[in-house]
Amino acid sequence: WQLPRIPEELSIEEGSMACCALGPAYGAMRLTGLGPHQTVLITGLGPVGLGAVVCAKDVGATVIAVDGAPYRQALARELGADVVLDHADPDVLVRVREASRDGRGVDQAIECAGVPEAHRLCVDAVRRRGVIGLVGEGGAFELKASDDCLRKQLTILGSWYYKRQDVAPLFRLIARNRSKIRTMITHRFPMSRVQEAFELQLRAETGKVLLDPWA
């Protein structure tokens, strides 16, 4: 096996986004087969969820993004999300369906929040024979076998990362979306300020936070 050729013009910062930013969502979307003219729900707009927005728009999908943090909602819009909703809205499911094609529900969902409420929204929001890619870790995932899986004939896939064959296509995606990558990286810290960086990220007032080990 040879190392894949990657765009030589990528900076270290841009290349780092293939890790815990675009990488997990990209791997999930390769599994689910997301393509143009499809509508995808993305739950959770941390760095991975925001990366999912970039990946989904790159393939030409319509993106409905859901999160409760105003900072990250605004960032998702800037990255190209077509519809951005607040998960605290009691009518969020209705609004997702209204934004989907013909109101039937979304074709796919990429779950990046890792909480039961987001799991349930994905299951309820996808259309019959829809596909859900699970990326976010944490929380119990409860299903009603008949109503959720059998009668809707859902496909639910767990995705940890991407295959090594996907390395080169992922780096090319990053190169195509360089301006969005710059938008996603909202904060930079030297390693000596790692505690401050983590505390800021926990307040959900960031996009992707980078730590510079040489600063």
C-alpha atoms as a PDB file:
ATOM      1  CA  TRP A   1       0.000   0.000   0.000  1.00  0.00           C
ATOM      2  CA  GLN A   2       1.321   3.429  -0.984  1.00  0.00           C
ATOM      3  CA  LEU A   3       0.539   6.718   0.661  1.00  0.00           C
ATOM      4  CA  PRO A   4      -2.139   8.539  -1.358  1.00  0.00           C
ATOM      5  CA  ARG A   5      -1.234  11.674  -3.232  1.00  0.00           C
ATOM      6  CA  ILE A   6      -2.709  14.725  -1.543  1.00  0.00           C
ATOM      7  CA  PRO A   7      -2.849  18.327  -2.724  1.00  0.00           C
ATOM      8  CA  GLU A   8       0.582  19.821  -2.069  1.00  0.00           C
ATOM      9  CA  GLU A   9      -0.813  23.279  -1.413  1.00  0.00           C
ATOM     10  CA  LEU A  10      -2.649  22.308   1.770  1.00  0.00           C
ATOM     11  CA  SER A  11      -1.355  23.925   4.931  1.00  0.00           C
ATOM     12  CA  ILE A  12      -0.859  21.961   8.143  1.00  0.00           C
ATOM     13  CA  GLU A  13      -3.961  23.629   9.570  1.00  0.00           C
ATOM     14  CA  GLU A  14      -6.054  22.660   6.557  1.00  0.00           C
ATOM     15  CA  GLY A  15      -4.727  19.108   6.578  1.00  0.00           C
ATOM     16  CA  SER A  16      -5.511  18.732  10.266  1.00  0.00           C
ATOM     17  CA  MET A  17      -9.199  19.100   9.456  1.00  0.00           C
ATOM     18  CA  ALA A  18      -9.153  15.569   8.055  1.00  0.00           C
ATOM     19  CA  CYS A  19      -8.985  14.426  11.677  1.00  0.00           C
ATOM     20  CA  CYS A  20     -11.737  15.295  14.171  1.00  0.00           C
ATOM     21  CA  ALA A  21     -13.552  17.829  12.029  1.00  0.00           C
ATOM     22  CA  LEU A  22     -14.443  16.667   8.518  1.00  0.00           C
ATOM     23  CA  GLY A  23     -13.097  13.120   8.855  1.00  0.00           C
ATOM     24  CA  PRO A  24     -15.811  11.422  10.962  1.00  0.00           C
ATOM     25  CA  ALA A  25     -18.698  12.917   8.977  1.00  0.00           C
ATOM     26  CA  TYR A  26     -16.996  12.185   5.662  1.00  0.00           C
ATOM     27  CA  GLY A  27     -16.637   8.533   6.618  1.00  0.00           C
ATOM     28  CA  ALA A  28     -20.306   8.348   7.597  1.00  0.00           C
ATOM     29  CA  MET A  29     -21.459   9.922   4.365  1.00  0.00           C
ATOM     30  CA  ARG A  30     -19.392   7.488   2.333  1.00  0.00           C
ATOM     31  CA  LEU A  31     -21.188   4.670   4.167  1.00  0.00           C
ATOM     32  CA  THR A  32     -24.659   6.147   3.758  1.00  0.00           C
ATOM     33  CA  GLY A  33     -24.096   7.069   0.116  1.00  0.00           C
ATOM     34  CA  LEU A  34     -25.246  10.674   0.439  1.00  0.00           C
ATOM     35  CA  GLY A  35     -25.476  12.303  -2.954  1.00  0.00           C
ATOM     36  CA  PRO A  36     -26.821  15.301  -4.846  1.00  0.00           C
ATOM     37  CA  HIS A  37     -30.539  16.050  -4.796  1.00  0.00           C
ATOM     38  CA  GLN A  38     -30.900  14.364  -1.402  1.00  0.00           C
ATOM     39  CA  THR A  39     -31.893  16.090   1.827  1.00  0.00           C
ATOM     40  CA  VAL A  40     -29.866  15.358   4.955  1.00  0.00           C
ATOM     41  CA  LEU A  41     -30.538  16.229   8.588  1.00  0.00           C
ATOM     42  CA  ILE A  42     -27.414  16.960  10.663  1.00  0.00           C
ATOM     43  CA  THR A  43     -27.900  16.964  14.433  1.00  0.00           C
ATOM     44  CA  GLY A  44     -25.239  18.580  16.612  1.00  0.00           C
ATOM     45  CA  LEU A  45     -23.102  21.413  15.272  1.00  0.00           C
ATOM     46  CA  GLY A  46     -19.848  20.972  17.115  1.00  0.00           C
ATOM     47  CA  PRO A  47     -16.729  20.720  14.933  1.00  0.00           C
ATOM     48  CA  VAL A  48     -17.811  17.309  13.581  1.00  0.00           C
ATOM     49  CA  GLY A  49     -21.349  18.465  12.808  1.00  0.00           C
ATOM     50  CA  LEU A  50     -20.044  21.614  11.136  1.00  0.00           C
ATOM     51  CA  GLY A  51     -17.691  19.395   9.155  1.00  0.00           C
ATOM     52  CA  ALA A  52     -20.734  17.373   8.121  1.00  0.00           C
ATOM     53  CA  VAL A  53     -22.309  20.538   6.741  1.00  0.00           C
ATOM     54  CA  VAL A  54     -19.225  21.165   4.595  1.00  0.00           C
ATOM     55  CA  CYS A  55     -19.103  17.554   3.362  1.00  0.00           C
ATOM     56  CA  ALA A  56     -22.816  17.421   2.561  1.00  0.00           C
ATOM     57  CA  LYS A  57     -22.810  20.684   0.636  1.00  0.00           C
ATOM     58  CA  ASP A  58     -19.755  19.502  -1.300  1.00  0.00           C
ATOM     59  CA  VAL A  59     -21.771  16.591  -2.746  1.00  0.00           C
ATOM     60  CA  GLY A  60     -24.726  18.861  -3.548  1.00  0.00           C
ATOM     61  CA  ALA A  61     -27.136  17.771  -0.805  1.00  0.00           C
ATOM     62  CA  THR A  62     -29.705  20.013   0.859  1.00  0.00           C
ATOM     63  CA  VAL A  63     -28.740  20.435   4.520  1.00  0.00           C
ATOM     64  CA  ILE A  64     -31.053  20.868   7.501  1.00  0.00           C
ATOM     65  CA  ALA A  65     -28.915  21.488  10.602  1.00  0.00           C
ATOM     66  CA  VAL A  66     -30.092  21.355  14.216  1.00  0.00           C
ATOM     67  CA  ASP A  67     -28.349  22.661  17.345  1.00  0.00           C
ATOM     68  CA  GLY A  68     -29.146  24.795  20.375  1.00  0.00           C
ATOM     69  CA  ALA A  69     -26.088  27.088  20.393  1.00  0.00           C
ATOM     70  CA  PRO A  70     -26.652  30.413  18.576  1.00  0.00           C
ATOM     71  CA  TYR A  71     -22.940  30.762  17.752  1.00  0.00           C
ATOM     72  CA  ARG A  72     -22.839  27.417  16.004  1.00  0.00           C
ATOM     73  CA  GLN A  73     -26.194  27.938  14.316  1.00  0.00           C
ATOM     74  CA  ALA A  74     -24.808  31.102  12.726  1.00  0.00           C
ATOM     75  CA  LEU A  75     -21.627  29.295  11.711  1.00  0.00           C
ATOM     76  CA  ALA A  76     -23.623  26.502  10.051  1.00  0.00           C
ATOM     77  CA  ARG A  77     -25.486  29.095   7.985  1.00  0.00           C
ATOM     78  CA  GLU A  78     -22.182  30.650   6.958  1.00  0.00           C
ATOM     79  CA  LEU A  79     -20.928  27.210   5.875  1.00  0.00           C
ATOM     80  CA  GLY A  80     -23.927  26.736   3.596  1.00  0.00           C
ATOM     81  CA  ALA A  81     -26.635  24.978   5.626  1.00  0.00           C
ATOM     82  CA  ASP A  82     -29.946  25.556   3.859  1.00  0.00           C
ATOM     83  CA  VAL A  83     -32.095  25.412   7.003  1.00  0.00           C
ATOM     84  CA  VAL A  84     -30.882  25.831  10.607  1.00  0.00           C
ATOM     85  CA  LEU A  85     -33.185  24.952  13.498  1.00  0.00           C
ATOM     86  CA  ASP A  86     -33.022  25.061  17.292  1.00  0.00           C
ATOM     87  CA  HIS A  87     -33.383  21.671  18.964  1.00  0.00           C
ATOM     88  CA  ALA A  88     -35.286  23.364  21.816  1.00  0.00           C
ATOM     89  CA  ASP A  89     -38.101  24.321  19.442  1.00  0.00           C
ATOM     90  CA  PRO A  90     -41.075  22.081  20.400  1.00  0.00           C
ATOM     91  CA  ASP A  91     -42.006  21.938  16.697  1.00  0.00           C
ATOM     92  CA  VAL A  92     -38.528  21.057  15.461  1.00  0.00           C
ATOM     93  CA  LEU A  93     -39.679  17.723  13.988  1.00  0.00           C
ATOM     94  CA  VAL A  94     -42.507  19.424  12.119  1.00  0.00           C
ATOM     95  CA  ARG A  95     -40.104  22.041  10.791  1.00  0.00           C
ATOM     96  CA  VAL A  96     -37.616  19.403   9.624  1.00  0.00           C
ATOM     97  CA  ARG A  97     -40.344  17.572   7.729  1.00  0.00           C
ATOM     98  CA  GLU A  98     -41.628  20.817   6.228  1.00  0.00           C
ATOM     99  CA  ALA A  99     -38.126  21.564   4.941  1.00  0.00           C
ATOM    100  CA  SER A 100     -37.763  18.112   3.411  1.00  0.00           C
ATOM    101  CA  ARG A 101     -38.723  17.208  -0.123  1.00  0.00           C
ATOM    102  CA  ASP A 102     -42.518  16.948  -0.401  1.00  0.00           C
ATOM    103  CA  GLY A 103     -42.725  16.917   3.400  1.00  0.00           C
ATOM    104  CA  ARG A 104     -42.098  13.169   3.491  1.00  0.00           C
ATOM    105  CA  GLY A 105     -39.058  13.413   5.726  1.00  0.00           C
ATOM    106  CA  VAL A 106     -35.355  13.688   5.017  1.00  0.00           C
ATOM    107  CA  ASP A 107     -33.556  11.098   2.906  1.00  0.00           C
ATOM    108  CA  GLN A 108     -30.712  10.751   5.385  1.00  0.00           C
ATOM    109  CA  ALA A 109     -29.613  11.893   8.839  1.00  0.00           C
ATOM    110  CA  ILE A 110     -26.097  12.231  10.210  1.00  0.00           C
ATOM    111  CA  GLU A 111     -26.212  12.232  14.004  1.00  0.00           C
ATOM    112  CA  CYS A 112     -23.288  14.143  15.553  1.00  0.00           C
ATOM    113  CA  ALA A 113     -24.683  15.120  18.959  1.00  0.00           C
ATOM    114  CA  GLY A 114     -24.544  11.793  20.786  1.00  0.00           C
ATOM    115  CA  VAL A 115     -27.668  12.377  22.888  1.00  0.00           C
ATOM    116  CA  PRO A 116     -30.942  10.409  22.974  1.00  0.00           C
ATOM    117  CA  GLU A 117     -33.038  13.416  21.914  1.00  0.00           C
ATOM    118  CA  ALA A 118     -30.995  13.755  18.717  1.00  0.00           C
ATOM    119  CA  HIS A 119     -31.235  10.014  18.049  1.00  0.00           C
ATOM    120  CA  ARG A 120     -35.011  10.208  18.318  1.00  0.00           C
ATOM    121  CA  LEU A 121     -35.225  13.248  16.057  1.00  0.00           C
ATOM    122  CA  CYS A 122     -33.213  11.440  13.376  1.00  0.00           C
ATOM    123  CA  VAL A 123     -35.392   8.326  13.563  1.00  0.00           C
ATOM    124  CA  ASP A 124     -38.618  10.330  13.421  1.00  0.00           C
ATOM    125  CA  ALA A 125     -37.444  12.770  10.730  1.00  0.00           C
ATOM    126  CA  VAL A 126     -36.158  10.364   8.060  1.00  0.00           C
ATOM    127  CA  ARG A 127     -38.593   9.131   5.443  1.00  0.00           C
ATOM    128  CA  ARG A 128     -39.465   5.485   4.901  1.00  0.00           C
ATOM    129  CA  ARG A 129     -36.408   3.545   3.742  1.00  0.00           C
ATOM    130  CA  GLY A 130     -34.273   6.411   4.985  1.00  0.00           C
ATOM    131  CA  VAL A 131     -30.672   6.062   6.173  1.00  0.00           C
ATOM    132  CA  ILE A 132     -29.136   7.232   9.459  1.00  0.00           C
ATOM    133  CA  GLY A 133     -25.399   7.506  10.070  1.00  0.00           C
ATOM    134  CA  LEU A 134     -24.411   7.548  13.740  1.00  0.00           C
ATOM    135  CA  VAL A 135     -21.270   9.575  14.447  1.00  0.00           C
ATOM    136  CA  GLY A 136     -21.799  11.206  17.873  1.00  0.00           C
ATOM    137  CA  GLU A 137     -20.781   9.146  20.879  1.00  0.00           C
ATOM    138  CA  GLY A 138     -22.724   8.907  24.133  1.00  0.00           C
ATOM    139  CA  GLY A 139     -26.238   8.294  25.359  1.00  0.00           C
ATOM    140  CA  ALA A 140     -28.589   5.359  24.991  1.00  0.00           C
ATOM    141  CA  PHE A 141     -30.102   4.752  21.576  1.00  0.00           C
ATOM    142  CA  GLU A 142     -33.615   3.422  22.058  1.00  0.00           C
ATOM    143  CA  LEU A 143     -35.630   1.990  19.177  1.00  0.00           C
ATOM    144  CA  LYS A 144     -39.131   0.645  18.788  1.00  0.00           C
ATOM    145  CA  ALA A 145     -38.464  -2.385  16.652  1.00  0.00           C
ATOM    146  CA  SER A 146     -41.763  -2.385  14.749  1.00  0.00           C
ATOM    147  CA  ASP A 147     -42.490   1.316  14.357  1.00  0.00           C
ATOM    148  CA  ASP A 148     -38.933   2.614  13.980  1.00  0.00           C
ATOM    149  CA  CYS A 149     -37.126  -0.088  12.035  1.00  0.00           C
ATOM    150  CA  LEU A 150     -39.404  -2.707  10.549  1.00  0.00           C
ATOM    151  CA  ARG A 151     -42.290  -0.639   9.228  1.00  0.00           C
ATOM    152  CA  LYS A 152     -40.143   2.313   8.195  1.00  0.00           C
ATOM    153  CA  GLN A 153     -37.477  -0.087   6.866  1.00  0.00           C
ATOM    154  CA  LEU A 154     -34.685   2.161   8.114  1.00  0.00           C
ATOM    155  CA  THR A 155     -30.990   1.555   7.610  1.00  0.00           C
ATOM    156  CA  ILE A 156     -28.931   2.614  10.652  1.00  0.00           C
ATOM    157  CA  LEU A 157     -25.143   2.613  10.324  1.00  0.00           C
ATOM    158  CA  GLY A 158     -22.495   3.271  12.929  1.00  0.00           C
ATOM    159  CA  SER A 159     -19.414   5.049  11.631  1.00  0.00           C
ATOM    160  CA  TRP A 160     -16.170   5.537  13.528  1.00  0.00           C
ATOM    161  CA  TYR A 161     -13.985   7.051  10.806  1.00  0.00           C
ATOM    162  CA  TYR A 162     -13.094   6.695   7.130  1.00  0.00           C
ATOM    163  CA  LYS A 163     -11.212   4.066   5.139  1.00  0.00           C
ATOM    164  CA  ARG A 164      -7.650   4.598   4.022  1.00  0.00           C
ATOM    165  CA  GLN A 165      -8.898   4.596   0.411  1.00  0.00           C
ATOM    166  CA  ASP A 166     -10.815   7.749   1.316  1.00  0.00           C
ATOM    167  CA  VAL A 167      -7.774   9.720   2.426  1.00  0.00           C
ATOM    168  CA  ALA A 168      -7.017  11.269  -0.962  1.00  0.00           C
ATOM    169  CA  PRO A 169     -10.663  12.139  -1.797  1.00  0.00           C
ATOM    170  CA  LEU A 170     -11.063  13.717   1.627  1.00  0.00           C
ATOM    171  CA  PHE A 171      -7.987  15.904   1.184  1.00  0.00           C
ATOM    172  CA  ARG A 172      -9.250  16.952  -2.246  1.00  0.00           C
ATOM    173  CA  LEU A 173     -12.573  17.907  -0.635  1.00  0.00           C
ATOM    174  CA  ILE A 174     -10.690  20.033   1.882  1.00  0.00           C
ATOM    175  CA  ALA A 175      -8.770  21.720  -0.934  1.00  0.00           C
ATOM    176  CA  ARG A 176     -12.012  22.508  -2.771  1.00  0.00           C
ATOM    177  CA  ASN A 177     -13.493  24.053   0.359  1.00  0.00           C
ATOM    178  CA  ARG A 178     -10.528  26.061   1.577  1.00  0.00           C
ATOM    179  CA  SER A 179     -12.582  29.180   2.298  1.00  0.00           C
ATOM    180  CA  LYS A 180     -15.061  27.187   4.385  1.00  0.00           C
ATOM    181  CA  ILE A 181     -12.200  25.562   6.278  1.00  0.00           C
ATOM    182  CA  ARG A 182     -10.938  29.012   7.216  1.00  0.00           C
ATOM    183  CA  THR A 183     -14.426  29.858   8.457  1.00  0.00           C
ATOM    184  CA  MET A 184     -14.644  26.653  10.515  1.00  0.00           C
ATOM    185  CA  ILE A 185     -11.360  27.351  12.333  1.00  0.00           C
ATOM    186  CA  THR A 186     -12.481  30.070  14.713  1.00  0.00           C
ATOM    187  CA  HIS A 187      -9.815  29.935  17.443  1.00  0.00           C
ATOM    188  CA  ARG A 188      -6.123  29.093  17.797  1.00  0.00           C
ATOM    189  CA  PHE A 189      -4.213  28.558  21.032  1.00  0.00           C
ATOM    190  CA  PRO A 190      -0.663  27.616  21.985  1.00  0.00           C
ATOM    191  CA  MET A 191      -0.391  24.324  23.860  1.00  0.00           C
ATOM    192  CA  SER A 192       0.345  26.247  27.056  1.00  0.00           C
ATOM    193  CA  ARG A 193      -3.274  27.555  26.987  1.00  0.00           C
ATOM    194  CA  VAL A 194      -4.961  24.193  26.431  1.00  0.00           C
ATOM    195  CA  GLN A 195      -7.178  24.568  29.524  1.00  0.00           C
ATOM    196  CA  GLU A 196      -8.514  27.883  28.265  1.00  0.00           C
ATOM    197  CA  ALA A 197      -9.157  26.330  24.858  1.00  0.00           C
ATOM    198  CA  PHE A 198     -11.178  23.460  26.326  1.00  0.00           C
ATOM    199  CA  GLU A 199     -13.212  25.768  28.553  1.00  0.00           C
ATOM    200  CA  LEU A 200     -14.068  27.996  25.601  1.00  0.00           C
ATOM    201  CA  GLN A 201     -15.124  25.034  23.483  1.00  0.00           C
ATOM    202  CA  LEU A 202     -17.362  23.716  26.258  1.00  0.00           C
ATOM    203  CA  ARG A 203     -19.334  26.970  26.118  1.00  0.00           C
ATOM    204  CA  ALA A 204     -20.237  26.152  22.481  1.00  0.00           C
ATOM    205  CA  GLU A 205     -18.894  29.515  21.352  1.00  0.00           C
ATOM    206  CA  THR A 206     -16.404  28.146  18.852  1.00  0.00           C
ATOM    207  CA  GLY A 207     -16.120  26.307  15.604  1.00  0.00           C
ATOM    208  CA  LYS A 208     -12.963  24.238  15.346  1.00  0.00           C
ATOM    209  CA  VAL A 209     -10.297  25.093  17.929  1.00  0.00           C
ATOM    210  CA  LEU A 210      -6.675  24.385  16.974  1.00  0.00           C
ATOM    211  CA  LEU A 211      -3.788  23.874  19.378  1.00  0.00           C
ATOM    212  CA  ASP A 212      -0.347  24.823  18.081  1.00  0.00           C
ATOM    213  CA  PRO A 213       2.321  22.593  19.663  1.00  0.00           C
ATOM    214  CA  TRP A 214       5.110  24.836  18.351  1.00  0.00           C
ATOM    215  CA  ALA A 215       3.740  28.174  19.593  1.00  0.00           C
END
